[in-house]
Amino acid sequence: MNTVSSGSRSERRRWAGWLMRIVRDPTALFGILVLALLVSAALFAPIIAPLDPNKQDLAARLLPPFYAEGGSAEHLLGTDQLGRDVLSRIIHGTRISLTIPLVSVTLAGVFGTAVGLLAGYRGGKTDAFIMRIVDTLFSFPGLLLALTILAVVGPSFWTLAIVLSLRIWMVFARMTRGLVLSAREAEYVEAAELVGASPVRIMLRHIAPNLTAPLLTLAVLESAHVILSEAALSFLGLGIQPPQTSWGLDVAIGRQYVFSAPWLIIFPGLAIAVAVLGINLLAGWLRVAADPQESAKRFAAAADAPSAWSG
């Protein structure tokens, strides 16, 4: 009983320590707040959004935001050329703009990590063969490859998610391979081999858990890249299709009104920029927090800063 209670106290202290580190780091706090806001908007879009994003009202078309002359409190960020509420479309667009990265990064992470584990642990001809495939695929322009596949197959949610995962799985494979090459010489791996553990067990039970922190950081960072890629493909007409909505699609719809109704591209563009900035800041913080050496350097720098200032 005492062991269980001490373990729970240790777990609470560990989570409290992480929380304090987040609160003390403005970049991490901003990134987490942005991510929490986006996730909340995606989950509760029907409740948060003031109007139906596809409801048309031609009598209220191209209304400016509430702060501009002619604006309306009913449409805080204005309306588009069909009288649809811009704020409601941005909130509902969060669902697509977050779900696509979630699906794509999950698919790419699982496949790329498995390939990297196999290449790094087996080594030799297996490693050389797999990495030549990875290097070859890296040589193809990712956006051009995505455009070609979508033009042939046709755009849809799942097609877009799979195509974007094909662009990034090589990144997970290459990073995993590098980490496995280092971990393969570790004492715990040698001990597992000495007691007769199978290669699959060693890879899944001993090596893979130690790759969680760097791969999680990479997954967060790649999510920002996928958001930008989805927005670019939707802007070009080969991504999300109406009546669905996404930030990139809204920018594409508003591009012909860039001078007469600039809010149609400003607000979806800001949503993309803030989301990518928040995710990148969070990924940077995770990289430092998950690396003991980087954390020690940052702590030492913070400890020396007051003395340097006083000197």
C-alpha atoms as a PDB file:
ATOM      1  CA  MET A   1       0.000   0.000   0.000  1.00  0.00           C
ATOM      2  CA  ASN A   2       2.851   2.331   0.880  1.00  0.00           C
ATOM      3  CA  THR A   3       4.563   1.456  -2.404  1.00  0.00           C
ATOM      4  CA  VAL A   4       1.436   2.348  -4.364  1.00  0.00           C
ATOM      5  CA  SER A   5       0.935   5.643  -2.538  1.00  0.00           C
ATOM      6  CA  SER A   6       4.606   6.598  -2.914  1.00  0.00           C
ATOM      7  CA  GLY A   7       4.404   5.758  -6.613  1.00  0.00           C
ATOM      8  CA  SER A   8       1.325   7.941  -7.051  1.00  0.00           C
ATOM      9  CA  ARG A   9       3.026  10.796  -5.186  1.00  0.00           C
ATOM     10  CA  SER A  10       6.066  10.448  -7.416  1.00  0.00           C
ATOM     11  CA  GLU A  11       3.837  10.524 -10.487  1.00  0.00           C
ATOM     12  CA  ARG A  12       2.051  13.644  -9.222  1.00  0.00           C
ATOM     13  CA  ARG A  13       5.371  15.352  -8.540  1.00  0.00           C
ATOM     14  CA  ARG A  14       6.564  14.496 -12.026  1.00  0.00           C
ATOM     15  CA  TRP A  15       3.452  15.970 -13.640  1.00  0.00           C
ATOM     16  CA  ALA A  16       3.667  19.020 -11.372  1.00  0.00           C
ATOM     17  CA  GLY A  17       7.271  19.501 -12.452  1.00  0.00           C
ATOM     18  CA  TRP A  18       6.286  19.388 -16.124  1.00  0.00           C
ATOM     19  CA  LEU A  19       3.472  21.856 -15.480  1.00  0.00           C
ATOM     20  CA  MET A  20       5.827  24.300 -13.767  1.00  0.00           C
ATOM     21  CA  ARG A  21       8.280  24.048 -16.651  1.00  0.00           C
ATOM     22  CA  ILE A  22       5.506  24.857 -19.101  1.00  0.00           C
ATOM     23  CA  VAL A  23       4.244  27.813 -17.068  1.00  0.00           C
ATOM     24  CA  ARG A  24       7.746  29.257 -16.762  1.00  0.00           C
ATOM     25  CA  ASP A  25       8.401  28.980 -20.510  1.00  0.00           C
ATOM     26  CA  PRO A  26       6.360  31.563 -22.494  1.00  0.00           C
ATOM     27  CA  THR A  27       6.920  29.821 -25.827  1.00  0.00           C
ATOM     28  CA  ALA A  28       5.722  26.459 -24.524  1.00  0.00           C
ATOM     29  CA  LEU A  29       2.746  28.084 -22.817  1.00  0.00           C
ATOM     30  CA  PHE A  30       1.779  29.915 -25.999  1.00  0.00           C
ATOM     31  CA  GLY A  31       2.088  26.741 -28.072  1.00  0.00           C
ATOM     32  CA  ILE A  32      -0.025  24.693 -25.680  1.00  0.00           C
ATOM     33  CA  LEU A  33      -2.668  27.414 -25.420  1.00  0.00           C
ATOM     34  CA  VAL A  34      -2.882  27.639 -29.218  1.00  0.00           C
ATOM     35  CA  LEU A  35      -3.157  23.863 -29.517  1.00  0.00           C
ATOM     36  CA  ALA A  36      -5.779  23.700 -26.755  1.00  0.00           C
ATOM     37  CA  LEU A  37      -7.786  26.457 -28.457  1.00  0.00           C
ATOM     38  CA  LEU A  38      -7.650  24.664 -31.806  1.00  0.00           C
ATOM     39  CA  VAL A  39      -8.628  21.304 -30.339  1.00  0.00           C
ATOM     40  CA  SER A  40     -11.512  22.907 -28.437  1.00  0.00           C
ATOM     41  CA  ALA A  41     -12.722  24.647 -31.602  1.00  0.00           C
ATOM     42  CA  ALA A  42     -12.554  21.372 -33.529  1.00  0.00           C
ATOM     43  CA  LEU A  43     -14.389  19.348 -30.878  1.00  0.00           C
ATOM     44  CA  PHE A  44     -17.092  21.887 -30.086  1.00  0.00           C
ATOM     45  CA  ALA A  45     -17.440  23.625 -33.452  1.00  0.00           C
ATOM     46  CA  PRO A  46     -21.258  23.191 -33.667  1.00  0.00           C
ATOM     47  CA  ILE A  47     -21.598  24.794 -30.229  1.00  0.00           C
ATOM     48  CA  ILE A  48     -19.008  27.561 -30.600  1.00  0.00           C
ATOM     49  CA  ALA A  49     -19.764  28.630 -34.166  1.00  0.00           C
ATOM     50  CA  PRO A  50     -22.469  31.310 -34.207  1.00  0.00           C
ATOM     51  CA  LEU A  51     -23.982  30.163 -37.528  1.00  0.00           C
ATOM     52  CA  ASP A  52     -24.062  27.287 -39.972  1.00  0.00           C
ATOM     53  CA  PRO A  53     -20.858  27.609 -42.052  1.00  0.00           C
ATOM     54  CA  ASN A  54     -22.703  26.695 -45.264  1.00  0.00           C
ATOM     55  CA  LYS A  55     -25.783  28.867 -44.693  1.00  0.00           C
ATOM     56  CA  GLN A  56     -26.070  31.356 -47.550  1.00  0.00           C
ATOM     57  CA  ASP A  57     -27.599  34.819 -47.290  1.00  0.00           C
ATOM     58  CA  LEU A  58     -27.108  36.794 -50.481  1.00  0.00           C
ATOM     59  CA  ALA A  59     -28.679  39.853 -48.877  1.00  0.00           C
ATOM     60  CA  ALA A  60     -25.726  39.935 -46.457  1.00  0.00           C
ATOM     61  CA  ARG A  61     -22.948  39.069 -48.916  1.00  0.00           C
ATOM     62  CA  LEU A  62     -19.473  40.614 -48.498  1.00  0.00           C
ATOM     63  CA  LEU A  63     -20.263  42.312 -45.210  1.00  0.00           C
ATOM     64  CA  PRO A  64     -17.059  43.667 -43.594  1.00  0.00           C
ATOM     65  CA  PRO A  65     -15.958  42.665 -40.062  1.00  0.00           C
ATOM     66  CA  PHE A  66     -17.730  44.239 -37.092  1.00  0.00           C
ATOM     67  CA  TYR A  67     -15.031  46.878 -36.528  1.00  0.00           C
ATOM     68  CA  ALA A  68     -15.260  48.272 -40.074  1.00  0.00           C
ATOM     69  CA  GLU A  69     -17.891  50.628 -41.422  1.00  0.00           C
ATOM     70  CA  GLY A  70     -20.947  48.649 -42.445  1.00  0.00           C
ATOM     71  CA  GLY A  71     -20.013  45.702 -40.252  1.00  0.00           C
ATOM     72  CA  SER A  72     -22.484  43.729 -38.179  1.00  0.00           C
ATOM     73  CA  ALA A  73     -22.288  42.187 -34.723  1.00  0.00           C
ATOM     74  CA  GLU A  74     -24.053  39.138 -36.145  1.00  0.00           C
ATOM     75  CA  HIS A  75     -21.064  38.487 -38.421  1.00  0.00           C
ATOM     76  CA  LEU A  76     -18.004  39.364 -36.344  1.00  0.00           C
ATOM     77  CA  LEU A  77     -15.491  38.607 -39.101  1.00  0.00           C
ATOM     78  CA  GLY A  78     -17.741  39.485 -42.018  1.00  0.00           C
ATOM     79  CA  THR A  79     -19.279  37.335 -44.730  1.00  0.00           C
ATOM     80  CA  ASP A  80     -18.101  35.914 -48.035  1.00  0.00           C
ATOM     81  CA  GLN A  81     -19.501  36.323 -51.539  1.00  0.00           C
ATOM     82  CA  LEU A  82     -22.402  33.961 -50.741  1.00  0.00           C
ATOM     83  CA  GLY A  83     -23.231  35.576 -47.415  1.00  0.00           C
ATOM     84  CA  ARG A  84     -21.695  32.795 -45.345  1.00  0.00           C
ATOM     85  CA  ASP A  85     -20.278  33.713 -41.945  1.00  0.00           C
ATOM     86  CA  VAL A  86     -16.466  33.836 -42.056  1.00  0.00           C
ATOM     87  CA  LEU A  87     -15.991  33.157 -38.336  1.00  0.00           C
ATOM     88  CA  SER A  88     -18.194  30.065 -38.465  1.00  0.00           C
ATOM     89  CA  ARG A  89     -16.299  28.754 -41.484  1.00  0.00           C
ATOM     90  CA  ILE A  90     -12.944  29.253 -39.755  1.00  0.00           C
ATOM     91  CA  ILE A  91     -14.144  27.439 -36.631  1.00  0.00           C
ATOM     92  CA  HIS A  92     -15.542  24.502 -38.609  1.00  0.00           C
ATOM     93  CA  GLY A  93     -12.462  24.530 -40.843  1.00  0.00           C
ATOM     94  CA  THR A  94     -10.389  23.751 -37.759  1.00  0.00           C
ATOM     95  CA  ARG A  95     -11.803  20.218 -37.821  1.00  0.00           C
ATOM     96  CA  ILE A  96     -10.380  19.417 -41.262  1.00  0.00           C
ATOM     97  CA  SER A  97      -7.183  21.392 -40.719  1.00  0.00           C
ATOM     98  CA  LEU A  98      -6.416  19.387 -37.548  1.00  0.00           C
ATOM     99  CA  THR A  99      -7.796  15.990 -38.541  1.00  0.00           C
ATOM    100  CA  ILE A 100      -5.746  15.780 -41.738  1.00  0.00           C
ATOM    101  CA  PRO A 101      -2.426  16.257 -39.849  1.00  0.00           C
ATOM    102  CA  LEU A 102      -3.529  13.819 -37.130  1.00  0.00           C
ATOM    103  CA  VAL A 103      -4.315  11.059 -39.626  1.00  0.00           C
ATOM    104  CA  SER A 104      -1.354  11.737 -41.909  1.00  0.00           C
ATOM    105  CA  VAL A 105       1.243  11.972 -39.143  1.00  0.00           C
ATOM    106  CA  THR A 106      -0.130   8.834 -37.450  1.00  0.00           C
ATOM    107  CA  LEU A 107       0.069   6.805 -40.663  1.00  0.00           C
ATOM    108  CA  ALA A 108       3.499   8.155 -41.551  1.00  0.00           C
ATOM    109  CA  GLY A 109       4.796   7.747 -37.998  1.00  0.00           C
ATOM    110  CA  VAL A 110       3.721   4.120 -37.622  1.00  0.00           C
ATOM    111  CA  PHE A 111       5.028   3.037 -41.023  1.00  0.00           C
ATOM    112  CA  GLY A 112       8.194   5.141 -40.966  1.00  0.00           C
ATOM    113  CA  THR A 113       9.093   4.080 -37.427  1.00  0.00           C
ATOM    114  CA  ALA A 114       8.649   0.397 -38.297  1.00  0.00           C
ATOM    115  CA  VAL A 115      10.837   0.771 -41.384  1.00  0.00           C
ATOM    116  CA  GLY A 116      13.483   2.704 -39.459  1.00  0.00           C
ATOM    117  CA  LEU A 117      13.529   0.124 -36.650  1.00  0.00           C
ATOM    118  CA  LEU A 118      14.064  -2.686 -39.125  1.00  0.00           C
ATOM    119  CA  ALA A 119      16.784  -0.858 -41.043  1.00  0.00           C
ATOM    120  CA  GLY A 120      18.655   0.326 -37.970  1.00  0.00           C
ATOM    121  CA  TYR A 121      18.565  -2.950 -36.058  1.00  0.00           C
ATOM    122  CA  ARG A 122      19.230  -5.379 -38.901  1.00  0.00           C
ATOM    123  CA  GLY A 123      21.896  -3.252 -40.576  1.00  0.00           C
ATOM    124  CA  GLY A 124      23.911  -4.604 -43.472  1.00  0.00           C
ATOM    125  CA  LYS A 125      22.177  -5.176 -46.809  1.00  0.00           C
ATOM    126  CA  THR A 126      18.729  -4.663 -45.291  1.00  0.00           C
ATOM    127  CA  ASP A 127      19.703  -1.238 -44.035  1.00  0.00           C
ATOM    128  CA  ALA A 128      21.371  -0.299 -47.324  1.00  0.00           C
ATOM    129  CA  PHE A 129      18.363  -1.434 -49.391  1.00  0.00           C
ATOM    130  CA  ILE A 130      15.789   0.380 -47.253  1.00  0.00           C
ATOM    131  CA  MET A 131      17.770   3.599 -47.014  1.00  0.00           C
ATOM    132  CA  ARG A 132      18.357   3.711 -50.786  1.00  0.00           C
ATOM    133  CA  ILE A 133      14.570   3.600 -51.218  1.00  0.00           C
ATOM    134  CA  VAL A 134      14.188   6.383 -48.644  1.00  0.00           C
ATOM    135  CA  ASP A 135      16.867   8.505 -50.340  1.00  0.00           C
ATOM    136  CA  THR A 136      15.226   7.966 -53.734  1.00  0.00           C
ATOM    137  CA  LEU A 137      11.817   9.052 -52.474  1.00  0.00           C
ATOM    138  CA  PHE A 138      13.405  12.075 -50.796  1.00  0.00           C
ATOM    139  CA  SER A 139      14.632  13.220 -54.203  1.00  0.00           C
ATOM    140  CA  PHE A 140      11.072  13.659 -55.511  1.00  0.00           C
ATOM    141  CA  PRO A 141       9.470  17.088 -54.918  1.00  0.00           C
ATOM    142  CA  GLY A 142       6.825  16.290 -52.304  1.00  0.00           C
ATOM    143  CA  LEU A 143       4.219  18.801 -53.404  1.00  0.00           C
ATOM    144  CA  LEU A 144       4.572  17.829 -57.068  1.00  0.00           C
ATOM    145  CA  LEU A 145       4.143  14.157 -56.165  1.00  0.00           C
ATOM    146  CA  ALA A 146       1.030  14.977 -54.126  1.00  0.00           C
ATOM    147  CA  LEU A 147      -0.417  17.071 -56.944  1.00  0.00           C
ATOM    148  CA  THR A 148       0.162  14.270 -59.463  1.00  0.00           C
ATOM    149  CA  ILE A 149      -1.478  11.599 -57.319  1.00  0.00           C
ATOM    150  CA  LEU A 150      -4.460  13.791 -56.423  1.00  0.00           C
ATOM    151  CA  ALA A 151      -4.944  14.812 -60.055  1.00  0.00           C
ATOM    152  CA  VAL A 152      -5.074  11.130 -61.108  1.00  0.00           C
ATOM    153  CA  VAL A 153      -7.014   9.647 -58.185  1.00  0.00           C
ATOM    154  CA  GLY A 154      -9.180  12.638 -57.356  1.00  0.00           C
ATOM    155  CA  PRO A 155      -9.318  14.727 -54.184  1.00  0.00           C
ATOM    156  CA  SER A 156     -11.026  13.442 -51.057  1.00  0.00           C
ATOM    157  CA  PHE A 157     -10.343  13.499 -47.329  1.00  0.00           C
ATOM    158  CA  TRP A 158      -8.723  10.067 -47.146  1.00  0.00           C
ATOM    159  CA  THR A 159      -6.830  10.460 -50.408  1.00  0.00           C
ATOM    160  CA  LEU A 160      -5.398  13.744 -49.166  1.00  0.00           C
ATOM    161  CA  ALA A 161      -4.441  12.251 -45.783  1.00  0.00           C
ATOM    162  CA  ILE A 162      -2.710   9.249 -47.363  1.00  0.00           C
ATOM    163  CA  VAL A 163      -0.903  11.343 -49.971  1.00  0.00           C
ATOM    164  CA  LEU A 164       0.424  13.710 -47.312  1.00  0.00           C
ATOM    165  CA  SER A 165       1.558  10.752 -45.202  1.00  0.00           C
ATOM    166  CA  LEU A 166       3.510   9.463 -48.216  1.00  0.00           C
ATOM    167  CA  ARG A 167       5.410  12.755 -48.205  1.00  0.00           C
ATOM    168  CA  ILE A 168       6.699  12.498 -44.648  1.00  0.00           C
ATOM    169  CA  TRP A 169       7.101   8.831 -43.666  1.00  0.00           C
ATOM    170  CA  MET A 170      10.717   8.948 -44.878  1.00  0.00           C
ATOM    171  CA  VAL A 171      11.503  11.577 -42.228  1.00  0.00           C
ATOM    172  CA  PHE A 172      10.348   9.213 -39.473  1.00  0.00           C
ATOM    173  CA  ALA A 173      12.245   6.320 -41.043  1.00  0.00           C
ATOM    174  CA  ARG A 174      15.509   8.253 -41.258  1.00  0.00           C
ATOM    175  CA  MET A 175      15.306   9.620 -37.708  1.00  0.00           C
ATOM    176  CA  THR A 176      14.315   6.235 -36.261  1.00  0.00           C
ATOM    177  CA  ARG A 177      17.186   4.519 -38.033  1.00  0.00           C
ATOM    178  CA  GLY A 178      19.681   7.008 -36.611  1.00  0.00           C
ATOM    179  CA  LEU A 179      18.327   6.575 -33.100  1.00  0.00           C
ATOM    180  CA  VAL A 180      18.336   2.773 -33.378  1.00  0.00           C
ATOM    181  CA  LEU A 181      21.936   2.743 -34.593  1.00  0.00           C
ATOM    182  CA  SER A 182      22.891   4.532 -31.380  1.00  0.00           C
ATOM    183  CA  ALA A 183      20.647   2.433 -29.141  1.00  0.00           C
ATOM    184  CA  ARG A 184      21.808  -0.865 -30.649  1.00  0.00           C
ATOM    185  CA  GLU A 185      25.159  -0.535 -28.870  1.00  0.00           C
ATOM    186  CA  ALA A 186      23.562   0.258 -25.511  1.00  0.00           C
ATOM    187  CA  GLU A 187      24.055  -2.117 -22.580  1.00  0.00           C
ATOM    188  CA  TYR A 188      20.349  -2.896 -22.167  1.00  0.00           C
ATOM    189  CA  VAL A 189      20.147  -4.088 -25.786  1.00  0.00           C
ATOM    190  CA  GLU A 190      23.258  -6.249 -25.390  1.00  0.00           C
ATOM    191  CA  ALA A 191      21.823  -7.705 -22.184  1.00  0.00           C
ATOM    192  CA  ALA A 192      18.552  -8.552 -23.951  1.00  0.00           C
ATOM    193  CA  GLU A 193      20.460 -10.273 -26.738  1.00  0.00           C
ATOM    194  CA  LEU A 194      22.537 -12.269 -24.239  1.00  0.00           C
ATOM    195  CA  VAL A 195      19.441 -13.686 -22.522  1.00  0.00           C
ATOM    196  CA  GLY A 196      18.089 -14.814 -25.896  1.00  0.00           C
ATOM    197  CA  ALA A 197      15.387 -12.242 -26.594  1.00  0.00           C
ATOM    198  CA  SER A 198      14.119 -12.303 -30.166  1.00  0.00           C
ATOM    199  CA  PRO A 199      14.923  -9.377 -32.499  1.00  0.00           C
ATOM    200  CA  VAL A 200      11.239  -8.413 -32.653  1.00  0.00           C
ATOM    201  CA  ARG A 201      11.001  -8.329 -28.863  1.00  0.00           C
ATOM    202  CA  ILE A 202      14.184  -6.281 -28.578  1.00  0.00           C
ATOM    203  CA  MET A 203      12.944  -3.751 -31.126  1.00  0.00           C
ATOM    204  CA  LEU A 204       9.434  -3.418 -29.696  1.00  0.00           C
ATOM    205  CA  ARG A 205      10.001  -3.862 -25.957  1.00  0.00           C
ATOM    206  CA  HIS A 206      13.465  -2.417 -25.407  1.00  0.00           C
ATOM    207  CA  ILE A 207      14.387   0.015 -28.194  1.00  0.00           C
ATOM    208  CA  ALA A 208      11.041   1.476 -29.319  1.00  0.00           C
ATOM    209  CA  PRO A 209       9.990   2.895 -25.895  1.00  0.00           C
ATOM    210  CA  ASN A 210      13.218   4.914 -25.752  1.00  0.00           C
ATOM    211  CA  LEU A 211      12.385   6.560 -29.078  1.00  0.00           C
ATOM    212  CA  THR A 212       9.104   8.049 -27.874  1.00  0.00           C
ATOM    213  CA  ALA A 213      10.350  11.513 -26.907  1.00  0.00           C
ATOM    214  CA  PRO A 214      12.254  12.417 -30.115  1.00  0.00           C
ATOM    215  CA  LEU A 215       9.611  10.873 -32.365  1.00  0.00           C
ATOM    216  CA  LEU A 216       6.838  12.734 -30.526  1.00  0.00           C
ATOM    217  CA  THR A 217       8.708  15.982 -31.100  1.00  0.00           C
ATOM    218  CA  LEU A 218       9.095  15.111 -34.781  1.00  0.00           C
ATOM    219  CA  ALA A 219       5.386  14.250 -35.045  1.00  0.00           C
ATOM    220  CA  VAL A 220       4.382  17.628 -33.609  1.00  0.00           C
ATOM    221  CA  LEU A 221       6.751  19.420 -35.987  1.00  0.00           C
ATOM    222  CA  GLU A 222       5.532  17.486 -39.019  1.00  0.00           C
ATOM    223  CA  SER A 223       1.932  18.324 -38.093  1.00  0.00           C
ATOM    224  CA  ALA A 224       2.717  21.966 -38.852  1.00  0.00           C
ATOM    225  CA  HIS A 225       4.150  20.968 -42.239  1.00  0.00           C
ATOM    226  CA  VAL A 226       1.027  18.940 -43.037  1.00  0.00           C
ATOM    227  CA  ILE A 227      -1.220  21.887 -42.149  1.00  0.00           C
ATOM    228  CA  LEU A 228       0.673  24.044 -44.646  1.00  0.00           C
ATOM    229  CA  SER A 229       0.614  21.290 -47.290  1.00  0.00           C
ATOM    230  CA  GLU A 230      -3.125  20.728 -46.895  1.00  0.00           C
ATOM    231  CA  ALA A 231      -3.747  24.454 -47.147  1.00  0.00           C
ATOM    232  CA  ALA A 232      -1.613  24.677 -50.298  1.00  0.00           C
ATOM    233  CA  LEU A 233      -3.332  21.724 -51.977  1.00  0.00           C
ATOM    234  CA  SER A 234      -6.792  23.014 -51.047  1.00  0.00           C
ATOM    235  CA  PHE A 235      -5.824  26.436 -52.367  1.00  0.00           C
ATOM    236  CA  LEU A 236      -4.845  24.826 -55.687  1.00  0.00           C
ATOM    237  CA  GLY A 237      -8.179  22.999 -55.879  1.00  0.00           C
ATOM    238  CA  LEU A 238      -6.854  19.464 -55.269  1.00  0.00           C
ATOM    239  CA  GLY A 239      -7.472  19.283 -51.533  1.00  0.00           C
ATOM    240  CA  ILE A 240     -10.649  19.655 -49.527  1.00  0.00           C
ATOM    241  CA  GLN A 241     -13.692  20.184 -51.718  1.00  0.00           C
ATOM    242  CA  PRO A 242     -16.977  22.024 -50.994  1.00  0.00           C
ATOM    243  CA  PRO A 243     -19.281  21.691 -49.104  1.00  0.00           C
ATOM    244  CA  GLN A 244     -16.497  20.801 -46.645  1.00  0.00           C
ATOM    245  CA  THR A 245     -14.448  23.711 -45.427  1.00  0.00           C
ATOM    246  CA  SER A 246     -10.829  24.216 -44.477  1.00  0.00           C
ATOM    247  CA  TRP A 247      -8.592  27.237 -44.036  1.00  0.00           C
ATOM    248  CA  GLY A 248      -6.815  26.683 -47.334  1.00  0.00           C
ATOM    249  CA  LEU A 249     -10.101  26.331 -49.200  1.00  0.00           C
ATOM    250  CA  ASP A 250     -11.391  29.573 -47.655  1.00  0.00           C
ATOM    251  CA  VAL A 251      -8.254  31.406 -48.800  1.00  0.00           C
ATOM    252  CA  ALA A 252      -8.778  30.010 -52.312  1.00  0.00           C
ATOM    253  CA  ILE A 253     -12.409  31.136 -52.325  1.00  0.00           C
ATOM    254  CA  GLY A 254     -11.491  34.653 -51.218  1.00  0.00           C
ATOM    255  CA  ARG A 255      -8.489  35.217 -53.493  1.00  0.00           C
ATOM    256  CA  GLN A 256     -10.550  36.861 -56.228  1.00  0.00           C
ATOM    257  CA  TYR A 257     -11.846  39.380 -53.660  1.00  0.00           C
ATOM    258  CA  VAL A 258      -8.403  40.226 -52.279  1.00  0.00           C
ATOM    259  CA  PHE A 259      -8.847  43.964 -52.946  1.00  0.00           C
ATOM    260  CA  SER A 260     -12.577  44.407 -52.438  1.00  0.00           C
ATOM    261  CA  ALA A 261     -12.979  42.066 -49.437  1.00  0.00           C
ATOM    262  CA  PRO A 262      -9.507  41.322 -48.004  1.00  0.00           C
ATOM    263  CA  TRP A 263     -10.918  39.831 -44.797  1.00  0.00           C
ATOM    264  CA  LEU A 264     -11.828  36.695 -46.772  1.00  0.00           C
ATOM    265  CA  ILE A 265      -8.142  35.752 -46.981  1.00  0.00           C
ATOM    266  CA  ILE A 266      -6.736  37.624 -43.981  1.00  0.00           C
ATOM    267  CA  PHE A 267      -8.573  35.714 -41.258  1.00  0.00           C
ATOM    268  CA  PRO A 268      -8.115  32.165 -42.663  1.00  0.00           C
ATOM    269  CA  GLY A 269      -4.492  33.067 -43.362  1.00  0.00           C
ATOM    270  CA  LEU A 270      -4.059  34.237 -39.777  1.00  0.00           C
ATOM    271  CA  ALA A 271      -5.571  30.975 -38.543  1.00  0.00           C
ATOM    272  CA  ILE A 272      -2.993  29.016 -40.555  1.00  0.00           C
ATOM    273  CA  ALA A 273      -0.119  31.240 -39.376  1.00  0.00           C
ATOM    274  CA  VAL A 274      -1.067  31.113 -35.684  1.00  0.00           C
ATOM    275  CA  ALA A 275      -1.620  27.342 -35.763  1.00  0.00           C
ATOM    276  CA  VAL A 276       1.742  26.673 -37.427  1.00  0.00           C
ATOM    277  CA  LEU A 277       3.545  29.110 -35.119  1.00  0.00           C
ATOM    278  CA  GLY A 278       2.029  27.569 -31.990  1.00  0.00           C
ATOM    279  CA  ILE A 279       2.828  24.012 -33.092  1.00  0.00           C
ATOM    280  CA  ASN A 280       6.409  24.937 -34.032  1.00  0.00           C
ATOM    281  CA  LEU A 281       6.981  26.613 -30.666  1.00  0.00           C
ATOM    282  CA  LEU A 282       5.581  23.578 -28.871  1.00  0.00           C
ATOM    283  CA  ALA A 283       7.818  21.256 -30.918  1.00  0.00           C
ATOM    284  CA  GLY A 284      10.864  23.364 -30.049  1.00  0.00           C
ATOM    285  CA  TRP A 285      10.049  23.188 -26.368  1.00  0.00           C
ATOM    286  CA  LEU A 286       9.460  19.429 -26.530  1.00  0.00           C
ATOM    287  CA  ARG A 287      12.836  18.966 -28.203  1.00  0.00           C
ATOM    288  CA  VAL A 288      14.576  20.718 -25.326  1.00  0.00           C
ATOM    289  CA  ALA A 289      12.426  19.165 -22.585  1.00  0.00           C
ATOM    290  CA  ALA A 290      12.909  15.629 -23.894  1.00  0.00           C
ATOM    291  CA  ASP A 291      16.697  15.984 -24.162  1.00  0.00           C
ATOM    292  CA  PRO A 292      18.431  15.955 -20.741  1.00  0.00           C
ATOM    293  CA  GLN A 293      21.557  17.628 -22.157  1.00  0.00           C
ATOM    294  CA  GLU A 294      19.608  20.472 -23.745  1.00  0.00           C
ATOM    295  CA  SER A 295      17.566  20.910 -20.558  1.00  0.00           C
ATOM    296  CA  ALA A 296      20.753  21.076 -18.500  1.00  0.00           C
ATOM    297  CA  LYS A 297      22.230  23.698 -20.840  1.00  0.00           C
ATOM    298  CA  ARG A 298      19.104  25.839 -20.648  1.00  0.00           C
ATOM    299  CA  PHE A 299      18.964  25.518 -16.868  1.00  0.00           C
ATOM    300  CA  ALA A 300      22.639  26.479 -16.581  1.00  0.00           C
ATOM    301  CA  ALA A 301      22.109  29.475 -18.859  1.00  0.00           C
ATOM    302  CA  ALA A 302      19.116  30.614 -16.810  1.00  0.00           C
ATOM    303  CA  ALA A 303      21.103  30.209 -13.587  1.00  0.00           C
ATOM    304  CA  ASP A 304      24.059  32.204 -14.925  1.00  0.00           C
ATOM    305  CA  ALA A 305      21.940  35.014 -16.370  1.00  0.00           C
ATOM    306  CA  PRO A 306      21.319  36.925 -13.082  1.00  0.00           C
ATOM    307  CA  SER A 307      24.978  36.758 -12.051  1.00  0.00           C
ATOM    308  CA  ALA A 308      26.082  37.941 -15.498  1.00  0.00           C
ATOM    309  CA  TRP A 309      23.577  40.764 -15.298  1.00  0.00           C
ATOM    310  CA  SER A 310      24.759  41.812 -11.867  1.00  0.00           C
ATOM    311  CA  GLY A 311      28.374  41.668 -13.037  1.00  0.00           C
END
